[in-house]
């Protein structure tokens, strides 16, 4: 499964510190001085393998070693620390986290509890990441009279199919774009539609950014395919995405909110005027007639 741009944000929401490298991602838990390296290309698969082979005894020992290295047990003298180490050495051999002397059972129990908690958090993280992949495979939203069918096909890359009316039928416009290509415009879009991003969680904000990038014209279609009938356009999109647009319920959380903003309506109007600047009216009456003919475009 692909590594998505939103994965680090989800990991942080689950309480992990995240360090992204070229080929791996390190998840750290500061409180217990513990970290896990996960293959970036096979992020979900590697995380699943970690959980499938998870041993609370082994991880409790690793947590003890990380705590020792970070100085968590500096309050113990050398002899006491050696005795505590022997308890964990024995746990490695027996598979039991128990201090038979009773001197360090509190320390042993604490490491065990941290190992149990870490497993629970990793399981919850894997569940959230899988749900995110499912959402990324298909995302439908309203656009003018028809839904957009948008798919995340790589870490930050999206493909969208946008059906629109034409003079003699329908055109399916296809977009392929990488959010990283927005560059500085990323901040401009987020600032302009700050109200929307405030209502959207971090992971979903990337899809919102993708929608807005199309809506405000930062990306142009890579191609447009003409169909005489809407049914033919719907069949084409279904072939490409396995989505029956006649059954799709548009998501009203993003673009519908965008279109409730007056500045967005004004931006659409100005963009439409600029696109047809050669045919602009030259009188007030002419503009009223022009608005009447183009009103549906802006609503």
Protein backbone atom coordinates (compact mmCIF):
# COMPACT_ATOMS: atom_id res chain seq x y z
CA UNK A 1 0.00 0.00 0.00
CA UNK A 2 1.21 3.49 -0.78
CA UNK A 3 2.69 5.90 1.75
CA UNK A 4 0.46 8.96 1.99
CA UNK A 5 1.32 12.57 2.72
CA UNK A 6 -1.15 12.55 5.61
CA UNK A 7 0.37 9.54 7.43
CA UNK A 8 2.79 11.61 9.57
CA UNK A 9 -0.05 13.88 10.72
CA UNK A 10 -2.12 10.88 11.81
CA UNK A 11 0.88 9.44 13.67
CA UNK A 12 1.37 12.76 15.49
CA UNK A 13 -2.33 12.86 16.39
CA UNK A 14 -1.80 9.45 18.01
CA UNK A 15 0.99 10.86 20.18
CA UNK A 16 4.09 9.83 18.24
CA UNK A 17 7.01 12.05 17.33
CA UNK A 18 7.74 11.52 13.63
CA UNK A 19 11.03 11.73 11.77
CA UNK A 20 10.80 11.13 8.03
CA UNK A 21 13.90 9.89 6.23
CA UNK A 22 14.47 8.91 2.61
CA UNK A 23 13.59 5.24 3.07
CA UNK A 24 12.20 4.98 6.59
CA UNK A 25 10.03 6.71 9.18
CA UNK A 26 10.94 6.75 12.87
CA UNK A 27 8.06 6.84 15.36
CA UNK A 28 9.15 7.87 18.84
CA UNK A 29 7.43 7.95 22.22
CA UNK A 30 9.28 10.56 24.24
CA UNK A 31 7.80 9.57 27.61
CA UNK A 32 9.36 6.12 27.47
CA UNK A 33 12.39 7.02 25.33
CA UNK A 34 11.41 4.43 22.77
CA UNK A 35 11.36 4.47 18.96
CA UNK A 36 10.43 2.23 16.04
CA UNK A 37 11.84 2.41 12.50
CA UNK A 38 9.31 1.56 9.77
CA UNK A 39 9.97 1.00 6.07
CA UNK A 40 8.55 4.05 4.28
CA UNK A 41 7.70 2.31 1.00
CA UNK A 42 5.91 -0.53 2.82
CA UNK A 43 4.69 1.49 5.77
CA UNK A 44 1.41 -0.31 6.50
CA UNK A 45 2.80 -3.74 5.68
CA UNK A 46 5.79 -3.20 7.98
CA UNK A 47 3.56 -1.91 10.78
CA UNK A 48 1.33 -4.98 10.41
CA UNK A 49 4.38 -7.27 10.65
CA UNK A 50 5.52 -5.45 13.80
CA UNK A 51 2.12 -6.05 15.41
CA UNK A 52 1.86 -9.66 14.19
CA UNK A 53 5.17 -10.50 15.86
CA UNK A 54 4.68 -8.18 18.84
CA UNK A 55 5.92 -9.58 22.15
CA UNK A 56 5.10 -7.63 25.30
CA UNK A 57 8.04 -9.23 27.09
CA UNK A 58 10.47 -8.34 24.32
CA UNK A 59 9.17 -4.78 24.03
CA UNK A 60 9.17 -4.32 27.82
CA UNK A 61 12.87 -5.32 27.80
CA UNK A 62 13.54 -2.89 24.94
CA UNK A 63 11.73 -0.14 26.86
CA UNK A 64 13.83 -0.94 29.96
CA UNK A 65 17.02 -0.70 27.90
CA UNK A 66 15.90 2.63 26.37
CA UNK A 67 15.09 4.00 29.82
CA UNK A 68 18.45 2.84 31.17
CA UNK A 69 20.29 4.48 28.28
CA UNK A 70 18.41 7.75 28.82
CA UNK A 71 19.28 7.82 32.54
CA UNK A 72 15.84 6.96 33.96
CA UNK A 73 17.49 4.68 36.54
CA UNK A 74 20.36 6.93 37.53
CA UNK A 75 18.92 6.99 41.06
CA UNK A 76 20.00 3.34 41.46
CA UNK A 77 23.57 2.46 42.39
CA UNK A 78 25.58 0.12 40.16
CA UNK A 79 24.71 -2.98 42.19
CA UNK A 80 20.96 -2.26 42.21
CA UNK A 81 20.96 -1.49 38.49
CA UNK A 82 22.76 -4.78 37.79
CA UNK A 83 20.17 -6.70 39.83
CA UNK A 84 17.36 -4.98 37.91
CA UNK A 85 19.08 -5.86 34.65
CA UNK A 86 19.26 -9.49 35.75
CA UNK A 87 15.47 -9.49 36.23
CA UNK A 88 14.98 -8.48 32.59
CA UNK A 89 17.68 -10.91 31.42
CA UNK A 90 15.76 -13.70 33.13
CA UNK A 91 12.51 -12.46 31.56
CA UNK A 92 14.15 -12.87 28.15
CA UNK A 93 14.95 -16.50 28.97
CA UNK A 94 11.67 -17.44 30.64
CA UNK A 95 9.17 -15.20 28.87
CA UNK A 96 7.89 -14.02 32.27
CA UNK A 97 8.02 -10.44 33.51
CA UNK A 98 8.37 -11.08 37.22
CA UNK A 99 10.89 -10.10 39.88
CA UNK A 100 11.17 -13.10 42.20
CA UNK A 101 13.03 -11.00 44.79
CA UNK A 102 10.21 -8.45 44.95
CA UNK A 103 12.74 -5.59 45.00
CA UNK A 104 11.98 -4.19 41.55
CA UNK A 105 8.48 -5.38 40.72
CA UNK A 106 7.27 -1.78 40.39
CA UNK A 107 9.89 -1.04 37.72
CA UNK A 108 9.12 -4.31 35.94
CA UNK A 109 5.36 -3.67 36.02
CA UNK A 110 5.86 -0.14 34.67
CA UNK A 111 7.83 -1.38 31.65
CA UNK A 112 5.21 -4.09 31.05
CA UNK A 113 2.37 -1.56 31.19
CA UNK A 114 4.20 0.67 28.72
CA UNK A 115 4.61 -2.30 26.36
CA UNK A 116 0.89 -3.11 26.61
CA UNK A 117 -0.05 0.52 26.02
CA UNK A 118 2.34 0.79 23.04
CA UNK A 119 0.72 -2.24 21.39
CA UNK A 120 -2.77 -0.80 21.87
CA UNK A 121 -1.72 2.53 20.36
CA UNK A 122 0.00 0.87 17.40
CA UNK A 123 -3.12 -1.21 16.71
CA UNK A 124 -5.27 1.93 16.80
CA UNK A 125 -2.78 3.72 14.55
CA UNK A 126 -2.85 0.89 11.99
CA UNK A 127 -6.66 0.99 11.99
CA UNK A 128 -6.68 4.75 11.35
CA UNK A 129 -4.06 4.51 8.59
CA UNK A 130 -6.02 1.77 6.80
CA UNK A 131 -9.19 3.86 6.94
CA UNK A 132 -7.21 6.76 5.46
CA UNK A 133 -6.06 4.58 2.57
CA UNK A 134 -9.67 3.56 1.91
CA UNK A 135 -10.69 7.22 1.86
CA UNK A 136 -7.76 8.06 -0.41
CA UNK A 137 -8.72 5.45 -2.99
CA UNK A 138 -11.99 7.21 -3.67
CA UNK A 139 -13.29 10.60 -2.72
CA UNK A 140 -16.45 12.08 -4.23
CA UNK A 141 -17.63 15.63 -3.84
CA UNK A 142 -20.05 18.03 -5.47
CA UNK A 143 -18.86 20.24 -8.31
CA UNK A 144 -21.37 22.42 -10.10
CA UNK A 145 -24.08 20.03 -11.36
CA UNK A 146 -22.08 16.80 -11.05
CA UNK A 147 -19.80 15.02 -8.59
CA UNK A 148 -16.05 14.99 -8.93
CA UNK A 149 -14.55 11.55 -8.54
CA UNK A 150 -11.14 12.06 -6.98
CA UNK A 151 -8.55 9.44 -6.08
CA UNK A 152 -5.25 9.76 -4.28
CA UNK A 153 -2.85 7.68 -6.36
CA UNK A 154 0.44 8.41 -4.61
CA UNK A 155 1.84 10.07 -1.49
CA UNK A 156 0.71 13.55 -2.57
CA UNK A 157 -0.62 12.89 -6.08
CA UNK A 158 -4.30 12.98 -7.04
CA UNK A 159 -6.31 12.06 -10.11
CA UNK A 160 -9.74 13.58 -10.65
CA UNK A 161 -12.53 13.03 -13.18
CA UNK A 162 -14.77 16.07 -13.60
CA UNK A 163 -17.83 15.78 -15.87
CA UNK A 164 -19.14 19.07 -17.26
CA UNK A 165 -21.77 20.12 -19.76
CA UNK A 166 -20.75 21.18 -23.24
CA UNK A 167 -22.73 22.61 -26.15
CA UNK A 168 -23.53 19.26 -27.71
CA UNK A 169 -23.08 16.83 -24.84
CA UNK A 170 -20.71 16.24 -21.94
CA UNK A 171 -16.96 16.40 -21.39
CA UNK A 172 -15.08 14.43 -18.75
CA UNK A 173 -12.04 16.48 -17.79
CA UNK A 174 -9.17 14.54 -16.24
CA UNK A 175 -6.71 16.09 -13.80
CA UNK A 176 -3.48 14.58 -12.52
CA UNK A 177 -1.58 16.74 -10.05
CA UNK A 178 0.82 16.63 -7.14
CA UNK A 179 0.10 18.84 -4.13
CA UNK A 180 3.85 19.43 -3.81
CA UNK A 181 3.67 21.31 -7.13
CA UNK A 182 1.43 23.96 -5.58
CA UNK A 183 4.47 25.33 -3.78
CA UNK A 184 3.92 28.77 -2.29
CA UNK A 185 0.31 28.75 -3.47
CA UNK A 186 -0.36 26.14 -0.78
CA UNK A 187 -0.09 28.86 1.89
CA UNK A 188 -2.16 31.27 -0.20
CA UNK A 189 -5.01 28.79 -0.59
CA UNK A 190 -4.95 27.84 3.07
CA UNK A 191 -4.96 31.51 4.09
CA UNK A 192 -7.75 32.42 1.67
CA UNK A 193 -9.97 29.58 2.87
CA UNK A 194 -8.79 29.50 6.47
CA UNK A 195 -12.37 29.13 7.71
CA UNK A 196 -12.72 25.81 5.85
CA UNK A 197 -9.39 24.41 6.99
CA UNK A 198 -10.25 25.22 10.60
CA UNK A 199 -13.30 22.94 10.28
CA UNK A 200 -11.26 20.14 8.69
CA UNK A 201 -8.93 17.71 10.46
CA UNK A 202 -5.30 17.54 9.37
CA UNK A 203 -5.57 14.39 7.26
CA UNK A 204 -8.71 15.56 5.41
CA UNK A 205 -7.14 18.97 4.76
CA UNK A 206 -5.04 17.47 1.94
CA UNK A 207 -8.17 16.38 0.07
CA UNK A 208 -9.69 19.81 0.66
CA UNK A 209 -6.50 21.39 -0.72
CA UNK A 210 -6.74 19.12 -3.77
CA UNK A 211 -10.35 20.17 -4.40
CA UNK A 212 -9.55 23.83 -3.99
CA UNK A 213 -6.58 23.53 -6.35
CA UNK A 214 -8.97 22.49 -9.10
CA UNK A 215 -11.69 24.95 -8.12
CA UNK A 216 -9.48 28.03 -8.09
CA UNK A 217 -7.66 27.00 -11.24
CA UNK A 218 -4.13 26.19 -10.06
CA UNK A 219 -4.22 23.08 -12.22
CA UNK A 220 -5.67 22.57 -15.68
CA UNK A 221 -7.05 19.30 -17.09
CA UNK A 222 -4.54 17.03 -18.77
CA UNK A 223 -7.27 16.01 -21.20
CA UNK A 224 -10.99 16.22 -21.88
CA UNK A 225 -13.02 13.41 -23.43
CA UNK A 226 -16.31 14.22 -25.19
CA UNK A 227 -19.48 12.16 -24.84
CA UNK A 228 -22.84 12.78 -26.50
CA UNK A 229 -24.82 11.52 -23.50
CA UNK A 230 -24.31 11.86 -19.75
CA UNK A 231 -24.82 8.10 -19.41
CA UNK A 232 -21.77 7.51 -21.60
CA UNK A 233 -19.70 9.85 -19.43
CA UNK A 234 -20.89 8.08 -16.28
CA UNK A 235 -19.99 4.69 -17.79
CA UNK A 236 -16.52 5.95 -18.70
CA UNK A 237 -15.87 7.19 -15.15
CA UNK A 238 -17.17 3.92 -13.73
CA UNK A 239 -14.72 2.02 -15.97
CA UNK A 240 -11.84 4.16 -14.68
CA UNK A 241 -12.79 4.31 -10.99
CA UNK A 242 -15.33 1.54 -10.36
CA UNK A 243 -17.72 4.25 -9.12
CA UNK A 244 -21.33 4.43 -10.27
CA UNK A 245 -21.98 8.18 -10.21
CA UNK A 246 -25.73 7.60 -10.30
CA UNK A 247 -25.40 6.16 -6.80
CA UNK A 248 -22.82 8.60 -5.40
CA UNK A 249 -23.98 10.87 -2.59
CA UNK A 250 -21.93 14.05 -2.74
CA UNK A 251 -19.93 14.96 0.32
CA UNK A 252 -21.28 18.32 1.49
CA UNK A 253 -18.51 19.11 3.95
CA UNK A 254 -16.02 20.71 1.58
CA UNK A 255 -17.05 22.26 -1.72
CA UNK A 256 -20.53 23.17 -0.55
CA UNK A 257 -18.91 25.19 2.23
CA UNK A 258 -16.52 26.73 -0.27
CA UNK A 259 -19.42 27.95 -2.35
CA UNK A 260 -21.10 29.57 0.64
CA UNK A 261 -18.23 32.07 0.86
CA UNK A 262 -18.98 35.31 -0.94
CA UNK A 263 -15.34 35.82 -1.91
CA UNK A 264 -15.32 32.47 -3.64
CA UNK A 265 -18.40 33.36 -5.70
CA UNK A 266 -16.73 36.65 -6.61
CA UNK A 267 -13.50 34.82 -7.53
CA UNK A 268 -15.49 32.44 -9.78
CA UNK A 269 -17.21 35.41 -11.43
CA UNK A 270 -13.93 37.26 -12.06
CA UNK A 271 -12.25 34.12 -13.36
CA UNK A 272 -15.16 33.46 -15.72
CA UNK A 273 -15.06 37.04 -16.97
CA UNK A 274 -11.30 36.88 -17.58
CA UNK A 275 -11.65 33.60 -19.45
CA UNK A 276 -14.11 35.25 -21.85
CA UNK A 277 -12.62 38.75 -21.81
CA UNK A 278 -12.86 39.19 -25.60
CA UNK A 279 -16.64 38.96 -25.43
CA UNK A 280 -17.22 41.21 -22.41
CA UNK A 281 -20.18 43.60 -22.62
CA UNK A 282 -19.53 47.33 -22.98
CA UNK A 283 -22.62 48.65 -21.19
CA UNK A 284 -24.53 48.20 -17.93
CA UNK A 285 -27.47 46.70 -19.80
CA UNK A 286 -25.09 44.34 -21.55
CA UNK A 287 -23.60 43.20 -18.25
CA UNK A 288 -27.10 42.53 -16.84
CA UNK A 289 -27.83 40.36 -19.87
CA UNK A 290 -24.44 38.63 -19.50
CA UNK A 291 -25.12 37.88 -15.82
CA UNK A 292 -28.51 36.46 -16.70
CA UNK A 293 -26.94 34.08 -19.21
CA UNK A 294 -24.13 33.02 -16.84
CA UNK A 295 -25.95 33.01 -13.51
CA UNK A 296 -26.27 29.21 -13.34
CA UNK A 297 -22.50 28.89 -13.70
CA UNK A 298 -22.00 30.76 -10.44
CA UNK A 299 -24.57 28.89 -8.32
